Every structure is written in structure tokens, then in C-alpha cells.
Amino acid sequence: MSDEDIALRAVSAAQEILEEYLEPRPRSNERLILDRLVEVLEQPSLIVAVNRIKRSHG
């Protein structure tokens, strides 16, 4: 899987989490939402991929 694919999958997953959060309903699970976002965005493979993308574009 390319670095771009890894990044796109993570962004898509984060967008899905945010869409769930933005649905009009009572919220008592903000910490759970934050934990899910951190889990997606702090994946070691994503961090490595983003760093390589930055180096190649910068």
C-alpha cells in the first residue's frame, strides 16, 4: 500500500468518526470520539507515511 493510500484511509476513517459525532443526538461520549480519532491518526504506519510524503513534497 502506498503512503498516499495509507493517508487517504486514515483521513476517511477520521471523517467517518467526525460525521458520527456531528449527528444530531445527545452526546456523552466525547472522550470515546477523541480516543477513536487518536487511534486513527497516531497509527505508526500513518506517521511514517505522512513524514515520507512531507519529505517528497517539501
PDB file of N, CA and C in Angstrom:
ATOM      1  N   MET A   1       0.856  -1.175   0.000  1.00  0.00           N
ATOM      2  CA  MET A   1       0.000   0.000   0.000  1.00  0.00           C
ATOM      3  C   MET A   1       0.903   1.240   0.000  1.00  0.00           C
ATOM      4  N   SER A   2       0.552   2.200  -0.842  1.00  0.00           N
ATOM      5  CA  SER A   2       1.377   3.406  -0.943  1.00  0.00           C
ATOM      6  C   SER A   2       1.132   4.331   0.257  1.00  0.00           C
ATOM      7  N   ASP A   3       2.061   5.253   0.436  1.00  0.00           N
ATOM      8  CA  ASP A   3       1.911   6.244   1.511  1.00  0.00           C
ATOM      9  C   ASP A   3       0.620   7.039   1.336  1.00  0.00           C
ATOM     10  N   GLU A   4       0.323   7.383   0.095  1.00  0.00           N
ATOM     11  CA  GLU A   4      -0.906   8.136  -0.176  1.00  0.00           C
ATOM     12  C   GLU A   4      -2.140   7.330   0.204  1.00  0.00           C
ATOM     13  N   ASP A   5      -2.121   6.031  -0.102  1.00  0.00           N
ATOM     14  CA  ASP A   5      -3.256   5.165   0.261  1.00  0.00           C
ATOM     15  C   ASP A   5      -3.437   5.099   1.773  1.00  0.00           C
ATOM     16  N   ILE A   6      -2.337   4.976   2.497  1.00  0.00           N
ATOM     17  CA  ILE A   6      -2.390   4.926   3.960  1.00  0.00           C
ATOM     18  C   ILE A   6      -2.990   6.226   4.498  1.00  0.00           C
ATOM     19  N   ALA A   7      -2.531   7.354   3.969  1.00  0.00           N
ATOM     20  CA  ALA A   7      -3.029   8.649   4.422  1.00  0.00           C
ATOM     21  C   ALA A   7      -4.507   8.821   4.076  1.00  0.00           C
ATOM     22  N   LEU A   8      -4.899   8.433   2.872  1.00  0.00           N
ATOM     23  CA  LEU A   8      -6.300   8.567   2.469  1.00  0.00           C
ATOM     24  C   LEU A   8      -7.219   7.700   3.319  1.00  0.00           C
ATOM     25  N   ARG A   9      -6.782   6.498   3.639  1.00  0.00           N
ATOM     26  CA  ARG A   9      -7.598   5.629   4.503  1.00  0.00           C
ATOM     27  C   ARG A   9      -7.778   6.242   5.887  1.00  0.00           C
ATOM     28  N   ALA A  10      -6.712   6.809   6.419  1.00  0.00           N
ATOM     29  CA  ALA A  10      -6.795   7.418   7.747  1.00  0.00           C
ATOM     30  C   ALA A  10      -7.702   8.641   7.733  1.00  0.00           C
ATOM     31  N   VAL A  11      -7.574   9.466   6.703  1.00  0.00           N
ATOM     32  CA  VAL A  11      -8.431  10.653   6.611  1.00  0.00           C
ATOM     33  C   VAL A  11      -9.886  10.224   6.472  1.00  0.00           C
ATOM     34  N   SER A  12     -10.152   9.220   5.668  1.00  0.00           N
ATOM     35  CA  SER A  12     -11.525   8.726   5.507  1.00  0.00           C
ATOM     36  C   SER A  12     -12.076   8.201   6.823  1.00  0.00           C
ATOM     37  N   ALA A  13     -11.269   7.454   7.555  1.00  0.00           N
ATOM     38  CA  ALA A  13     -11.714   6.925   8.849  1.00  0.00           C
ATOM     39  C   ALA A  13     -11.991   8.062   9.827  1.00  0.00           C
ATOM     40  N   ALA A  14     -11.120   9.067   9.845  1.00  0.00           N
ATOM     41  CA  ALA A  14     -11.325  10.217  10.738  1.00  0.00           C
ATOM     42  C   ALA A  14     -12.586  10.979  10.349  1.00  0.00           C
ATOM     43  N   GLN A  15     -12.841  11.125   9.055  1.00  0.00           N
ATOM     44  CA  GLN A  15     -14.051  11.804   8.603  1.00  0.00           C
ATOM     45  C   GLN A  15     -15.304  11.047   9.051  1.00  0.00           C
ATOM     46  N   GLU A  16     -15.276   9.729   8.972  1.00  0.00           N
ATOM     47  CA  GLU A  16     -16.416   8.921   9.418  1.00  0.00           C
ATOM     48  C   GLU A  16     -16.682   9.120  10.910  1.00  0.00           C
ATOM     49  N   ILE A  17     -15.611   9.154  11.694  1.00  0.00           N
ATOM     50  CA  ILE A  17     -15.757   9.370  13.135  1.00  0.00           C
ATOM     51  C   ILE A  17     -16.369  10.739  13.399  1.00  0.00           C
ATOM     52  N   LEU A  18     -15.888  11.764  12.692  1.00  0.00           N
ATOM     53  CA  LEU A  18     -16.430  13.108  12.882  1.00  0.00           C
ATOM     54  C   LEU A  18     -17.880  13.214  12.420  1.00  0.00           C
ATOM     55  N   GLU A  19     -18.224  12.524  11.341  1.00  0.00           N
ATOM     56  CA  GLU A  19     -19.613  12.518  10.877  1.00  0.00           C
ATOM     57  C   GLU A  19     -20.537  11.934  11.941  1.00  0.00           C
ATOM     58  N   GLU A  20     -20.103  10.846  12.567  1.00  0.00           N
ATOM     59  CA  GLU A  20     -20.888  10.253  13.655  1.00  0.00           C
ATOM     60  C   GLU A  20     -21.060  11.260  14.793  1.00  0.00           C
ATOM     61  N   TYR A  21     -19.984  11.942  15.121  1.00  0.00           N
ATOM     62  CA  TYR A  21     -20.028  12.914  16.211  1.00  0.00           C
ATOM     63  C   TYR A  21     -20.985  14.066  15.904  1.00  0.00           C
ATOM     64  N   LEU A  22     -21.023  14.483  14.643  1.00  0.00           N
ATOM     65  CA  LEU A  22     -21.831  15.639  14.258  1.00  0.00           C
ATOM     66  C   LEU A  22     -23.309  15.316  14.054  1.00  0.00           C
ATOM     67  N   GLU A  23     -23.675  14.042  14.132  1.00  0.00           N
ATOM     68  CA  GLU A  23     -25.089  13.689  14.024  1.00  0.00           C
ATOM     69  C   GLU A  23     -25.854  14.320  15.183  1.00  0.00           C
ATOM     70  N   PRO A  24     -27.059  14.826  14.882  1.00  0.00           N
ATOM     71  CA  PRO A  24     -27.835  15.480  15.947  1.00  0.00           C
ATOM     72  C   PRO A  24     -28.403  14.457  16.934  1.00  0.00           C
ATOM     73  N   ARG A  25     -27.732  14.300  18.029  1.00  0.00           N
ATOM     74  CA  ARG A  25     -28.180  13.414  19.103  1.00  0.00           C
ATOM     75  C   ARG A  25     -27.434  13.801  20.369  1.00  0.00           C
ATOM     76  N   PRO A  26     -27.953  13.402  21.491  1.00  0.00           N
ATOM     77  CA  PRO A  26     -27.247  13.725  22.741  1.00  0.00           C
ATOM     78  C   PRO A  26     -25.850  13.097  22.749  1.00  0.00           C
ATOM     79  N   ARG A  27     -24.904  13.852  23.279  1.00  0.00           N
ATOM     80  CA  ARG A  27     -23.520  13.350  23.323  1.00  0.00           C
ATOM     81  C   ARG A  27     -23.066  13.183  24.766  1.00  0.00           C
ATOM     82  N   SER A  28     -22.614  12.007  25.053  1.00  0.00           N
ATOM     83  CA  SER A  28     -21.991  11.788  26.355  1.00  0.00           C
ATOM     84  C   SER A  28     -20.696  11.007  26.165  1.00  0.00           C
ATOM     85  N   ASN A  29     -20.303  10.871  24.913  1.00  0.00           N
ATOM     86  CA  ASN A  29     -19.158  10.012  24.605  1.00  0.00           C
ATOM     87  C   ASN A  29     -18.034  10.775  23.907  1.00  0.00           C
ATOM     88  N   GLU A  30     -17.844  12.044  24.260  1.00  0.00           N
ATOM     89  CA  GLU A  30     -16.819  12.824  23.593  1.00  0.00           C
ATOM     90  C   GLU A  30     -15.423  12.234  23.780  1.00  0.00           C
ATOM     91  N   ARG A  31     -15.167  11.694  24.938  1.00  0.00           N
ATOM     92  CA  ARG A  31     -13.845  11.088  25.178  1.00  0.00           C
ATOM     93  C   ARG A  31     -13.639   9.877  24.276  1.00  0.00           C
ATOM     94  N   LEU A  32     -14.683   9.104  24.066  1.00  0.00           N
ATOM     95  CA  LEU A  32     -14.600   7.950  23.175  1.00  0.00           C
ATOM     96  C   LEU A  32     -14.293   8.400  21.747  1.00  0.00           C
ATOM     97  N   ILE A  33     -14.953   9.466  21.305  1.00  0.00           N
ATOM     98  CA  ILE A  33     -14.706  10.005  19.967  1.00  0.00           C
ATOM     99  C   ILE A  33     -13.248  10.440  19.845  1.00  0.00           C
ATOM    100  N   LEU A  34     -12.764  11.168  20.829  1.00  0.00           N
ATOM    101  CA  LEU A  34     -11.371  11.619  20.817  1.00  0.00           C
ATOM    102  C   LEU A  34     -10.418  10.428  20.800  1.00  0.00           C
ATOM    103  N   ASP A  35     -10.693   9.428  21.605  1.00  0.00           N
ATOM    104  CA  ASP A  35      -9.846   8.230  21.634  1.00  0.00           C
ATOM    105  C   ASP A  35      -9.810   7.546  20.271  1.00  0.00           C
ATOM    106  N   ARG A  36     -10.959   7.482  19.601  1.00  0.00           N
ATOM    107  CA  ARG A  36     -11.019   6.859  18.277  1.00  0.00           C
ATOM    108  C   ARG A  36     -10.217   7.661  17.262  1.00  0.00           C
ATOM    109  N   LEU A  37     -10.321   8.985  17.328  1.00  0.00           N
ATOM    110  CA  LEU A  37      -9.544   9.827  16.414  1.00  0.00           C
ATOM    111  C   LEU A  37      -8.046   9.665  16.647  1.00  0.00           C
ATOM    112  N   VAL A  38      -7.652   9.652  17.903  1.00  0.00           N
ATOM    113  CA  VAL A  38      -6.232   9.466  18.227  1.00  0.00           C
ATOM    114  C   VAL A  38      -5.754   8.109  17.716  1.00  0.00           C
ATOM    115  N   GLU A  39      -6.555   7.086  17.898  1.00  0.00           N
ATOM    116  CA  GLU A  39      -6.192   5.746  17.433  1.00  0.00           C
ATOM    117  C   GLU A  39      -5.947   5.741  15.922  1.00  0.00           C
ATOM    118  N   VAL A  40      -6.797   6.442  15.178  1.00  0.00           N
ATOM    119  CA  VAL A  40      -6.650   6.502  13.721  1.00  0.00           C
ATOM    120  C   VAL A  40      -5.431   7.339  13.336  1.00  0.00           C
ATOM    121  N   LEU A  41      -5.308   8.517  13.921  1.00  0.00           N
ATOM    122  CA  LEU A  41      -4.301   9.471  13.473  1.00  0.00           C
ATOM    123  C   LEU A  41      -2.903   9.231  14.043  1.00  0.00           C
ATOM    124  N   GLU A  42      -2.791   8.397  15.053  1.00  0.00           N
ATOM    125  CA  GLU A  42      -1.480   8.115  15.645  1.00  0.00           C
ATOM    126  C   GLU A  42      -0.950   6.728  15.277  1.00  0.00           C
ATOM    127  N   GLN A  43      -1.509   6.137  14.229  1.00  0.00           N
ATOM    128  CA  GLN A  43      -1.005   4.843  13.783  1.00  0.00           C
ATOM    129  C   GLN A  43       0.436   5.009  13.296  1.00  0.00           C
ATOM    130  N   PRO A  44       1.330   4.164  13.749  1.00  0.00           N
ATOM    131  CA  PRO A  44       2.726   4.304  13.314  1.00  0.00           C
ATOM    132  C   PRO A  44       2.883   4.305  11.794  1.00  0.00           C
ATOM    133  N   SER A  45       2.124   3.473  11.099  1.00  0.00           N
ATOM    134  CA  SER A  45       2.248   3.440   9.638  1.00  0.00           C
ATOM    135  C   SER A  45       1.817   4.758   9.017  1.00  0.00           C
ATOM    136  N   LEU A  46       0.821   5.416   9.596  1.00  0.00           N
ATOM    137  CA  LEU A  46       0.371   6.710   9.083  1.00  0.00           C
ATOM    138  C   LEU A  46       1.425   7.781   9.348  1.00  0.00           C
ATOM    139  N   ILE A  47       1.989   7.781  10.524  1.00  0.00           N
ATOM    140  CA  ILE A  47       3.009   8.778  10.867  1.00  0.00           C
ATOM    141  C   ILE A  47       4.198   8.660   9.919  1.00  0.00           C
ATOM    142  N   VAL A  48       4.644   7.450   9.667  1.00  0.00           N
ATOM    143  CA  VAL A  48       5.765   7.227   8.744  1.00  0.00           C
ATOM    144  C   VAL A  48       5.386   7.679   7.339  1.00  0.00           C
ATOM    145  N   ALA A  49       4.184   7.294   6.892  1.00  0.00           N
ATOM    146  CA  ALA A  49       3.741   7.657   5.545  1.00  0.00           C
ATOM    147  C   ALA A  49       3.656   9.168   5.379  1.00  0.00           C
ATOM    148  N   VAL A  50       3.076   9.856   6.346  1.00  0.00           N
ATOM    149  CA  VAL A  50       2.939  11.315   6.254  1.00  0.00           C
ATOM    150  C   VAL A  50       4.318  11.973   6.247  1.00  0.00           C
ATOM    151  N   ASN A  51       5.232  11.486   7.056  1.00  0.00           N
ATOM    152  CA  ASN A  51       6.587  12.053   7.062  1.00  0.00           C
ATOM    153  C   ASN A  51       7.264  11.876   5.710  1.00  0.00           C
ATOM    154  N   ARG A  52       7.073  10.706   5.081  1.00  0.00           N
ATOM    155  CA  ARG A  52       7.671  10.493   3.756  1.00  0.00           C
ATOM    156  C   ARG A  52       7.022  11.401   2.718  1.00  0.00           C
ATOM    157  N   ILE A  53       5.709  11.562   2.796  1.00  0.00           N
ATOM    158  CA  ILE A  53       5.003  12.445   1.858  1.00  0.00           C
ATOM    159  C   ILE A  53       5.517  13.880   2.026  1.00  0.00           C
ATOM    160  N   LYS A  54       5.673  14.318   3.262  1.00  0.00           N
ATOM    161  CA  LYS A  54       6.184  15.674   3.523  1.00  0.00           C
ATOM    162  C   LYS A  54       7.567  15.860   2.913  1.00  0.00           C
ATOM    163  N   ARG A  55       8.445  14.877   3.123  1.00  0.00           N
ATOM    164  CA  ARG A  55       9.810  14.985   2.603  1.00  0.00           C
ATOM    165  C   ARG A  55       9.811  15.033   1.071  1.00  0.00           C
ATOM    166  N   SER A  56       8.928  14.290   0.449  1.00  0.00           N
ATOM    167  CA  SER A  56       8.921  14.256  -1.016  1.00  0.00           C
ATOM    168  C   SER A  56       8.301  15.501  -1.631  1.00  0.00           C
ATOM    169  N   HIS A  57       7.530  16.258  -0.840  1.00  0.00           N
ATOM    170  CA  HIS A  57       6.881  17.466  -1.351  1.00  0.00           C
ATOM    171  C   HIS A  57       7.519  18.735  -0.802  1.00  0.00           C
ATOM    172  N   GLY A  58       8.542  18.602  -0.030  1.00  0.00           N
ATOM    173  CA  GLY A  58       8.997  19.789   0.628  1.00  0.00           C
ATOM    174  C   GLY A  58      10.385  20.174   0.488  1.00  0.00           C
TER     175      GLY A  58
END
